[in-house]
Amino acid sequence: MLFGVQHYAEVKRGYPVLSFMWSTYDMTTAEAKTAYLEGSGPVMCGGIEYSEIIGIASRKANGKRINQVELKSKTGNSVTIARPEQVEVMP
């Protein structure tokens, strides 16, 4: 396991496919909000390091409310949206 992501390869229709099994870190929405408001610094999600949490969004999906965090890339050129459970604050 590397940075909370387990990689495994398989072959489908003759082509190699790299798949990922995401580990959860069990960050709660309250912890994500605290990290966002305090500017906690670098975070990790899916084995990739991001510079910070830049937003928290609450959306409705299939009649349920879901919370998501917005992660700013290290270059500042992109934003990734993830569930709080997949995010870990770097030490």
PDB file of N, CA and C in Angstrom:
ATOM      1  N   MET A   1       0.852  -1.164   0.000  1.00  0.00           N
ATOM      2  CA  MET A   1       0.000   0.000   0.000  1.00  0.00           C
ATOM      3  C   MET A   1       0.898   1.227   0.000  1.00  0.00           C
ATOM      4  N   LEU A   2       0.585   2.186  -0.844  1.00  0.00           N
ATOM      5  CA  LEU A   2       1.379   3.389  -0.982  1.00  0.00           C
ATOM      6  C   LEU A   2       0.483   4.603  -0.799  1.00  0.00           C
ATOM      7  N   PHE A   3       0.729   5.389   0.244  1.00  0.00           N
ATOM      8  CA  PHE A   3      -0.031   6.601   0.514  1.00  0.00           C
ATOM      9  C   PHE A   3      -1.534   6.353   0.566  1.00  0.00           C
ATOM     10  N   GLY A   4      -1.946   5.258   1.124  1.00  0.00           N
ATOM     11  CA  GLY A   4      -3.366   4.984   1.270  1.00  0.00           C
ATOM     12  C   GLY A   4      -4.045   4.458   0.023  1.00  0.00           C
ATOM     13  N   VAL A   5      -3.284   4.198  -1.032  1.00  0.00           N
ATOM     14  CA  VAL A   5      -3.871   3.680  -2.266  1.00  0.00           C
ATOM     15  C   VAL A   5      -3.213   2.349  -2.587  1.00  0.00           C
ATOM     16  N   GLN A   6      -4.033   1.364  -2.819  1.00  0.00           N
ATOM     17  CA  GLN A   6      -3.497   0.069  -3.193  1.00  0.00           C
ATOM     18  C   GLN A   6      -3.679  -0.090  -4.700  1.00  0.00           C
ATOM     19  N   HIS A   7      -2.594  -0.303  -5.397  1.00  0.00           N
ATOM     20  CA  HIS A   7      -2.634  -0.454  -6.849  1.00  0.00           C
ATOM     21  C   HIS A   7      -2.687  -1.951  -7.192  1.00  0.00           C
ATOM     22  N   TYR A   8      -3.419  -2.289  -8.192  1.00  0.00           N
ATOM     23  CA  TYR A   8      -3.357  -3.643  -8.702  1.00  0.00           C
ATOM     24  C   TYR A   8      -3.647  -3.612 -10.198  1.00  0.00           C
ATOM     25  N   ALA A   9      -2.987  -4.481 -10.912  1.00  0.00           N
ATOM     26  CA  ALA A   9      -3.117  -4.510 -12.368  1.00  0.00           C
ATOM     27  C   ALA A   9      -3.891  -5.756 -12.776  1.00  0.00           C
ATOM     28  N   GLU A  10      -4.666  -5.628 -13.808  1.00  0.00           N
ATOM     29  CA  GLU A  10      -5.381  -6.761 -14.351  1.00  0.00           C
ATOM     30  C   GLU A  10      -5.468  -6.572 -15.858  1.00  0.00           C
ATOM     31  N   VAL A  11      -5.840  -7.597 -16.534  1.00  0.00           N
ATOM     32  CA  VAL A  11      -5.938  -7.532 -17.993  1.00  0.00           C
ATOM     33  C   VAL A  11      -7.402  -7.683 -18.377  1.00  0.00           C
ATOM     34  N   LYS A  12      -7.895  -6.707 -19.139  1.00  0.00           N
ATOM     35  CA  LYS A  12      -9.259  -6.758 -19.641  1.00  0.00           C
ATOM     36  C   LYS A  12      -9.204  -6.599 -21.151  1.00  0.00           C
ATOM     37  N   ARG A  13      -9.786  -7.561 -21.871  1.00  0.00           N
ATOM     38  CA  ARG A  13      -9.821  -7.546 -23.331  1.00  0.00           C
ATOM     39  C   ARG A  13      -8.430  -7.407 -23.931  1.00  0.00           C
ATOM     40  N   GLY A  14      -7.436  -8.019 -23.274  1.00  0.00           N
ATOM     41  CA  GLY A  14      -6.093  -8.021 -23.800  1.00  0.00           C
ATOM     42  C   GLY A  14      -5.262  -6.794 -23.467  1.00  0.00           C
ATOM     43  N   TYR A  15      -5.852  -5.810 -22.760  1.00  0.00           N
ATOM     44  CA  TYR A  15      -5.136  -4.586 -22.413  1.00  0.00           C
ATOM     45  C   TYR A  15      -4.932  -4.518 -20.898  1.00  0.00           C
ATOM     46  N   PRO A  16      -3.730  -4.121 -20.460  1.00  0.00           N
ATOM     47  CA  PRO A  16      -3.515  -3.985 -19.017  1.00  0.00           C
ATOM     48  C   PRO A  16      -4.286  -2.780 -18.475  1.00  0.00           C
ATOM     49  N   VAL A  17      -4.883  -2.969 -17.324  1.00  0.00           N
ATOM     50  CA  VAL A  17      -5.664  -1.908 -16.686  1.00  0.00           C
ATOM     51  C   VAL A  17      -5.127  -1.726 -15.279  1.00  0.00           C
ATOM     52  N   LEU A  18      -4.799  -0.494 -14.915  1.00  0.00           N
ATOM     53  CA  LEU A  18      -4.346  -0.201 -13.564  1.00  0.00           C
ATOM     54  C   LEU A  18      -5.547   0.290 -12.771  1.00  0.00           C
ATOM     55  N   SER A  19      -5.849  -0.381 -11.691  1.00  0.00           N
ATOM     56  CA  SER A  19      -6.994  -0.026 -10.874  1.00  0.00           C
ATOM     57  C   SER A  19      -6.511   0.426  -9.505  1.00  0.00           C
ATOM     58  N   PHE A  20      -7.380   1.118  -8.809  1.00  0.00           N
ATOM     59  CA  PHE A  20      -7.044   1.628  -7.495  1.00  0.00           C
ATOM     60  C   PHE A  20      -8.102   1.218  -6.481  1.00  0.00           C
ATOM     61  N   MET A  21      -7.649   0.899  -5.287  1.00  0.00           N
ATOM     62  CA  MET A  21      -8.556   0.653  -4.172  1.00  0.00           C
ATOM     63  C   MET A  21      -8.289   1.772  -3.171  1.00  0.00           C
ATOM     64  N   TRP A  22      -9.230   2.672  -3.023  1.00  0.00           N
ATOM     65  CA  TRP A  22      -9.027   3.833  -2.170  1.00  0.00           C
ATOM     66  C   TRP A  22      -9.183   3.458  -0.710  1.00  0.00           C
ATOM     67  N   SER A  23      -8.236   3.878   0.078  1.00  0.00           N
ATOM     68  CA  SER A  23      -8.352   3.714   1.516  1.00  0.00           C
ATOM     69  C   SER A  23      -9.032   4.954   2.071  1.00  0.00           C
ATOM     70  N   THR A  24      -9.737   4.779   3.154  1.00  0.00           N
ATOM     71  CA  THR A  24     -10.376   5.927   3.772  1.00  0.00           C
ATOM     72  C   THR A  24      -9.620   6.318   5.021  1.00  0.00           C
ATOM     73  N   TYR A  25      -9.626   7.594   5.298  1.00  0.00           N
ATOM     74  CA  TYR A  25      -8.948   8.115   6.472  1.00  0.00           C
ATOM     75  C   TYR A  25      -9.943   8.566   7.526  1.00  0.00           C
ATOM     76  N   ASP A  26     -11.216   8.513   7.213  1.00  0.00           N
ATOM     77  CA  ASP A  26     -12.293   8.848   8.134  1.00  0.00           C
ATOM     78  C   ASP A  26     -12.240  10.284   8.629  1.00  0.00           C
ATOM     79  N   MET A  27     -11.811  11.223   7.773  1.00  0.00           N
ATOM     80  CA  MET A  27     -11.906  12.638   8.133  1.00  0.00           C
ATOM     81  C   MET A  27     -13.379  12.999   8.107  1.00  0.00           C
ATOM     82  N   THR A  28     -13.846  13.602   9.164  1.00  0.00           N
ATOM     83  CA  THR A  28     -15.242  14.013   9.223  1.00  0.00           C
ATOM     84  C   THR A  28     -15.398  15.364   8.544  1.00  0.00           C
ATOM     85  N   THR A  29     -16.646  15.735   8.291  1.00  0.00           N
ATOM     86  CA  THR A  29     -16.909  17.035   7.699  1.00  0.00           C
ATOM     87  C   THR A  29     -16.464  18.148   8.639  1.00  0.00           C
ATOM     88  N   ALA A  30     -16.629  17.957   9.941  1.00  0.00           N
ATOM     89  CA  ALA A  30     -16.196  18.960  10.922  1.00  0.00           C
ATOM     90  C   ALA A  30     -14.672  19.131  10.885  1.00  0.00           C
ATOM     91  N   GLU A  31     -13.934  18.025  10.772  1.00  0.00           N
ATOM     92  CA  GLU A  31     -12.477  18.104  10.680  1.00  0.00           C
ATOM     93  C   GLU A  31     -12.053  18.788   9.381  1.00  0.00           C
ATOM     94  N   ALA A  32     -12.761  18.503   8.294  1.00  0.00           N
ATOM     95  CA  ALA A  32     -12.458  19.144   7.016  1.00  0.00           C
ATOM     96  C   ALA A  32     -12.712  20.647   7.105  1.00  0.00           C
ATOM     97  N   LYS A  33     -13.796  21.028   7.768  1.00  0.00           N
ATOM     98  CA  LYS A  33     -14.116  22.445   7.935  1.00  0.00           C
ATOM     99  C   LYS A  33     -13.041  23.143   8.757  1.00  0.00           C
ATOM    100  N   THR A  34     -12.574  22.498   9.820  1.00  0.00           N
ATOM    101  CA  THR A  34     -11.510  23.070  10.648  1.00  0.00           C
ATOM    102  C   THR A  34     -10.231  23.222   9.838  1.00  0.00           C
ATOM    103  N   ALA A  35      -9.869  22.195   9.068  1.00  0.00           N
ATOM    104  CA  ALA A  35      -8.663  22.256   8.235  1.00  0.00           C
ATOM    105  C   ALA A  35      -8.779  23.368   7.198  1.00  0.00           C
ATOM    106  N   TYR A  36      -9.978  23.547   6.663  1.00  0.00           N
ATOM    107  CA  TYR A  36     -10.215  24.603   5.672  1.00  0.00           C
ATOM    108  C   TYR A  36     -10.089  25.987   6.308  1.00  0.00           C
ATOM    109  N   LEU A  37     -10.738  26.193   7.442  1.00  0.00           N
ATOM    110  CA  LEU A  37     -10.741  27.507   8.080  1.00  0.00           C
ATOM    111  C   LEU A  37      -9.374  27.888   8.657  1.00  0.00           C
ATOM    112  N   GLU A  38      -8.641  26.904   9.155  1.00  0.00           N
ATOM    113  CA  GLU A  38      -7.336  27.181   9.760  1.00  0.00           C
ATOM    114  C   GLU A  38      -6.199  27.158   8.734  1.00  0.00           C
ATOM    115  N   GLY A  39      -6.495  26.785   7.497  1.00  0.00           N
ATOM    116  CA  GLY A  39      -5.454  26.708   6.486  1.00  0.00           C
ATOM    117  C   GLY A  39      -4.389  25.689   6.862  1.00  0.00           C
ATOM    118  N   SER A  40      -4.798  24.446   6.999  1.00  0.00           N
ATOM    119  CA  SER A  40      -3.940  23.385   7.531  1.00  0.00           C
ATOM    120  C   SER A  40      -2.702  23.083   6.705  1.00  0.00           C
ATOM    121  N   GLY A  41      -2.675  23.520   5.457  1.00  0.00           N
ATOM    122  CA  GLY A  41      -1.525  23.227   4.614  1.00  0.00           C
ATOM    123  C   GLY A  41      -1.761  22.003   3.757  1.00  0.00           C
ATOM    124  N   PRO A  42      -0.693  21.279   3.389  1.00  0.00           N
ATOM    125  CA  PRO A  42      -0.807  20.162   2.447  1.00  0.00           C
ATOM    126  C   PRO A  42      -1.710  19.034   2.949  1.00  0.00           C
ATOM    127  N   VAL A  43      -2.437  18.457   2.006  1.00  0.00           N
ATOM    128  CA  VAL A  43      -3.288  17.304   2.286  1.00  0.00           C
ATOM    129  C   VAL A  43      -3.011  16.232   1.246  1.00  0.00           C
ATOM    130  N   MET A  44      -3.390  14.996   1.563  1.00  0.00           N
ATOM    131  CA  MET A  44      -3.173  13.858   0.673  1.00  0.00           C
ATOM    132  C   MET A  44      -4.534  13.244   0.350  1.00  0.00           C
ATOM    133  N   CYS A  45      -4.724  12.914  -0.919  1.00  0.00           N
ATOM    134  CA  CYS A  45      -5.942  12.231  -1.346  1.00  0.00           C
ATOM    135  C   CYS A  45      -5.587  11.287  -2.481  1.00  0.00           C
ATOM    136  N   GLY A  46      -5.824  10.011  -2.286  1.00  0.00           N
ATOM    137  CA  GLY A  46      -5.561   9.033  -3.338  1.00  0.00           C
ATOM    138  C   GLY A  46      -4.109   8.951  -3.747  1.00  0.00           C
ATOM    139  N   GLY A  47      -3.207   9.185  -2.814  1.00  0.00           N
ATOM    140  CA  GLY A  47      -1.794   9.092  -3.111  1.00  0.00           C
ATOM    141  C   GLY A  47      -1.207  10.332  -3.766  1.00  0.00           C
ATOM    142  N   ILE A  48      -2.018  11.378  -3.917  1.00  0.00           N
ATOM    143  CA  ILE A  48      -1.562  12.625  -4.524  1.00  0.00           C
ATOM    144  C   ILE A  48      -1.586  13.716  -3.464  1.00  0.00           C
ATOM    145  N   GLU A  49      -0.526  14.522  -3.432  1.00  0.00           N
ATOM    146  CA  GLU A  49      -0.448  15.609  -2.465  1.00  0.00           C
ATOM    147  C   GLU A  49      -1.023  16.886  -3.080  1.00  0.00           C
ATOM    148  N   TYR A  50      -1.885  17.548  -2.322  1.00  0.00           N
ATOM    149  CA  TYR A  50      -2.488  18.812  -2.732  1.00  0.00           C
ATOM    150  C   TYR A  50      -2.029  19.900  -1.776  1.00  0.00           C
ATOM    151  N   SER A  51      -2.026  21.152  -2.243  1.00  0.00           N
ATOM    152  CA  SER A  51      -1.486  22.222  -1.414  1.00  0.00           C
ATOM    153  C   SER A  51      -2.397  22.584  -0.252  1.00  0.00           C
ATOM    154  N   GLU A  52      -3.729  22.510  -0.446  1.00  0.00           N
ATOM    155  CA  GLU A  52      -4.649  22.869   0.644  1.00  0.00           C
ATOM    156  C   GLU A  52      -6.087  22.549   0.268  1.00  0.00           C
ATOM    157  N   ILE A  53      -6.948  22.617   1.282  1.00  0.00           N
ATOM    158  CA  ILE A  53      -8.395  22.534   1.061  1.00  0.00           C
ATOM    159  C   ILE A  53      -8.858  23.958   0.807  1.00  0.00           C
ATOM    160  N   ILE A  54      -9.485  24.195  -0.346  1.00  0.00           N
ATOM    161  CA  ILE A  54      -9.907  25.559  -0.662  1.00  0.00           C
ATOM    162  C   ILE A  54     -11.418  25.753  -0.582  1.00  0.00           C
ATOM    163  N   GLY A  55     -12.149  24.703  -0.272  1.00  0.00           N
ATOM    164  CA  GLY A  55     -13.586  24.862  -0.147  1.00  0.00           C
ATOM    165  C   GLY A  55     -14.268  23.597   0.339  1.00  0.00           C
ATOM    166  N   ILE A  56     -15.459  23.793   0.869  1.00  0.00           N
ATOM    167  CA  ILE A  56     -16.302  22.677   1.288  1.00  0.00           C
ATOM    168  C   ILE A  56     -17.658  22.894   0.641  1.00  0.00           C
ATOM    169  N   ALA A  57     -18.175  21.864   0.009  1.00  0.00           N
ATOM    170  CA  ALA A  57     -19.450  21.972  -0.692  1.00  0.00           C
ATOM    171  C   ALA A  57     -20.429  20.943  -0.147  1.00  0.00           C
ATOM    172  N   SER A  58     -21.675  21.339  -0.066  1.00  0.00           N
ATOM    173  CA  SER A  58     -22.740  20.431   0.334  1.00  0.00           C
ATOM    174  C   SER A  58     -23.710  20.348  -0.840  1.00  0.00           C
ATOM    175  N   ARG A  59     -23.944  19.132  -1.311  1.00  0.00           N
ATOM    176  CA  ARG A  59     -24.792  18.937  -2.484  1.00  0.00           C
ATOM    177  C   ARG A  59     -25.862  17.892  -2.195  1.00  0.00           C
ATOM    178  N   LYS A  60     -26.890  17.886  -3.036  1.00  0.00           N
ATOM    179  CA  LYS A  60     -27.912  16.850  -2.951  1.00  0.00           C
ATOM    180  C   LYS A  60     -27.691  15.882  -4.097  1.00  0.00           C
ATOM    181  N   ALA A  61     -27.651  14.604  -3.759  1.00  0.00           N
ATOM    182  CA  ALA A  61     -27.513  13.559  -4.770  1.00  0.00           C
ATOM    183  C   ALA A  61     -28.445  12.417  -4.404  1.00  0.00           C
ATOM    184  N   ASN A  62     -29.318  12.072  -5.319  1.00  0.00           N
ATOM    185  CA  ASN A  62     -30.291  10.988  -5.089  1.00  0.00           C
ATOM    186  C   ASN A  62     -31.093  11.215  -3.814  1.00  0.00           C
ATOM    187  N   GLY A  63     -31.458  12.462  -3.551  1.00  0.00           N
ATOM    188  CA  GLY A  63     -32.274  12.780  -2.384  1.00  0.00           C
ATOM    189  C   GLY A  63     -31.514  12.823  -1.070  1.00  0.00           C
ATOM    190  N   LYS A  64     -30.212  12.636  -1.116  1.00  0.00           N
ATOM    191  CA  LYS A  64     -29.392  12.676   0.099  1.00  0.00           C
ATOM    192  C   LYS A  64     -28.433  13.852   0.032  1.00  0.00           C
ATOM    193  N   ARG A  65     -28.072  14.376   1.190  1.00  0.00           N
ATOM    194  CA  ARG A  65     -27.089  15.460   1.250  1.00  0.00           C
ATOM    195  C   ARG A  65     -25.696  14.861   1.400  1.00  0.00           C
ATOM    196  N   ILE A  66     -24.780  15.280   0.536  1.00  0.00           N
ATOM    197  CA  ILE A  66     -23.406  14.804   0.628  1.00  0.00           C
ATOM    198  C   ILE A  66     -22.474  16.003   0.777  1.00  0.00           C
ATOM    199  N   ASN A  67     -21.406  15.819   1.512  1.00  0.00           N
ATOM    200  CA  ASN A  67     -20.411  16.862   1.703  1.00  0.00           C
ATOM    201  C   ASN A  67     -19.164  16.480   0.927  1.00  0.00           C
ATOM    202  N   GLN A  68     -18.552  17.475   0.294  1.00  0.00           N
ATOM    203  CA  GLN A  68     -17.335  17.265  -0.473  1.00  0.00           C
ATOM    204  C   GLN A  68     -16.354  18.380  -0.178  1.00  0.00           C
ATOM    205  N   VAL A  69     -15.068  18.088  -0.353  1.00  0.00           N
ATOM    206  CA  VAL A  69     -14.039  19.102  -0.183  1.00  0.00           C
ATOM    207  C   VAL A  69     -13.406  19.390  -1.540  1.00  0.00           C
ATOM    208  N   GLU A  70     -12.942  20.616  -1.703  1.00  0.00           N
ATOM    209  CA  GLU A  70     -12.264  21.022  -2.924  1.00  0.00           C
ATOM    210  C   GLU A  70     -10.781  21.160  -2.600  1.00  0.00           C
ATOM    211  N   LEU A  71      -9.946  20.451  -3.346  1.00  0.00           N
ATOM    212  CA  LEU A  71      -8.511  20.413  -3.093  1.00  0.00           C
ATOM    213  C   LEU A  71      -7.763  21.129  -4.205  1.00  0.00           C
ATOM    214  N   LYS A  72      -6.888  22.065  -3.827  1.00  0.00           N
ATOM    215  CA  LYS A  72      -6.103  22.827  -4.793  1.00  0.00           C
ATOM    216  C   LYS A  72      -4.821  22.068  -5.117  1.00  0.00           C
ATOM    217  N   SER A  73      -4.512  21.927  -6.410  1.00  0.00           N
ATOM    218  CA  SER A  73      -3.302  21.217  -6.811  1.00  0.00           C
ATOM    219  C   SER A  73      -2.069  21.999  -6.383  1.00  0.00           C
ATOM    220  N   LYS A  74      -0.934  21.310  -6.341  1.00  0.00           N
ATOM    221  CA  LYS A  74       0.311  21.958  -5.931  1.00  0.00           C
ATOM    222  C   LYS A  74       0.711  23.075  -6.905  1.00  0.00           C
ATOM    223  N   THR A  75       0.331  22.946  -8.167  1.00  0.00           N
ATOM    224  CA  THR A  75       0.667  23.982  -9.148  1.00  0.00           C
ATOM    225  C   THR A  75      -0.340  25.122  -9.139  1.00  0.00           C
ATOM    226  N   GLY A  76      -1.496  24.891  -8.526  1.00  0.00           N
ATOM    227  CA  GLY A  76      -2.529  25.917  -8.483  1.00  0.00           C
ATOM    228  C   GLY A  76      -3.358  26.007  -9.751  1.00  0.00           C
ATOM    229  N   ASN A  77      -3.193  25.027 -10.654  1.00  0.00           N
ATOM    230  CA  ASN A  77      -3.894  25.066 -11.933  1.00  0.00           C
ATOM    231  C   ASN A  77      -5.160  24.227 -11.981  1.00  0.00           C
ATOM    232  N   SER A  78      -5.428  23.452 -10.931  1.00  0.00           N
ATOM    233  CA  SER A  78      -6.626  22.616 -10.965  1.00  0.00           C
ATOM    234  C   SER A  78      -7.188  22.419  -9.568  1.00  0.00           C
ATOM    235  N   VAL A  79      -8.438  21.992  -9.546  1.00  0.00           N
ATOM    236  CA  VAL A  79      -9.139  21.700  -8.297  1.00  0.00           C
ATOM    237  C   VAL A  79      -9.725  20.304  -8.411  1.00  0.00           C
ATOM    238  N   THR A  80      -9.559  19.520  -7.364  1.00  0.00           N
ATOM    239  CA  THR A  80     -10.119  18.175  -7.312  1.00  0.00           C
ATOM    240  C   THR A  80     -11.193  18.137  -6.245  1.00  0.00           C
ATOM    241  N   ILE A  81     -12.311  17.504  -6.543  1.00  0.00           N
ATOM    242  CA  ILE A  81     -13.396  17.372  -5.578  1.00  0.00           C
ATOM    243  C   ILE A  81     -13.379  15.945  -5.047  1.00  0.00           C
ATOM    244  N   ALA A  82     -13.399  15.816  -3.713  1.00  0.00           N
ATOM    245  CA  ALA A  82     -13.317  14.494  -3.087  1.00  0.00           C
ATOM    246  C   ALA A  82     -14.199  14.446  -1.844  1.00  0.00           C
ATOM    247  N   ARG A  83     -14.490  13.240  -1.415  1.00  0.00           N
ATOM    248  CA  ARG A  83     -15.205  13.054  -0.149  1.00  0.00           C
ATOM    249  C   ARG A  83     -14.226  13.302   0.997  1.00  0.00           C
ATOM    250  N   PRO A  84     -14.681  13.859   2.099  1.00  0.00           N
ATOM    251  CA  PRO A  84     -13.787  14.094   3.240  1.00  0.00           C
ATOM    252  C   PRO A  84     -13.114  12.821   3.738  1.00  0.00           C
ATOM    253  N   GLU A  85     -13.781  11.680   3.613  1.00  0.00           N
ATOM    254  CA  GLU A  85     -13.223  10.412   4.092  1.00  0.00           C
ATOM    255  C   GLU A  85     -11.964  10.007   3.344  1.00  0.00           C
ATOM    256  N   GLN A  86     -11.745  10.559   2.148  1.00  0.00           N
ATOM    257  CA  GLN A  86     -10.592  10.202   1.328  1.00  0.00           C
ATOM    258  C   GLN A  86      -9.400  11.138   1.527  1.00  0.00           C
ATOM    259  N   VAL A  87      -9.572  12.149   2.372  1.00  0.00           N
ATOM    260  CA  VAL A  87      -8.543  13.172   2.538  1.00  0.00           C
ATOM    261  C   VAL A  87      -7.845  13.021   3.876  1.00  0.00           C
ATOM    262  N   GLU A  88      -6.533  13.220   3.853  1.00  0.00           N
ATOM    263  CA  GLU A  88      -5.722  13.136   5.075  1.00  0.00           C
ATOM    264  C   GLU A  88      -4.849  14.382   5.135  1.00  0.00           C
ATOM    265  N   VAL A  89      -4.827  15.036   6.295  1.00  0.00           N
ATOM    266  CA  VAL A  89      -3.953  16.187   6.480  1.00  0.00           C
ATOM    267  C   VAL A  89      -2.534  15.687   6.672  1.00  0.00           C
ATOM    268  N   MET A  90      -1.603  16.283   5.922  1.00  0.00           N
ATOM    269  CA  MET A  90      -0.206  15.880   6.020  1.00  0.00           C
ATOM    270  C   MET A  90       0.402  16.413   7.316  1.00  0.00           C
ATOM    271  N   PRO A  91       1.323  15.643   7.919  1.00  0.00           N
ATOM    272  CA  PRO A  91       1.945  16.111   9.173  1.00  0.00           C
ATOM    273  C   PRO A  91       2.896  17.273   8.953  1.00  0.00           C
TER     274      PRO A  91
END
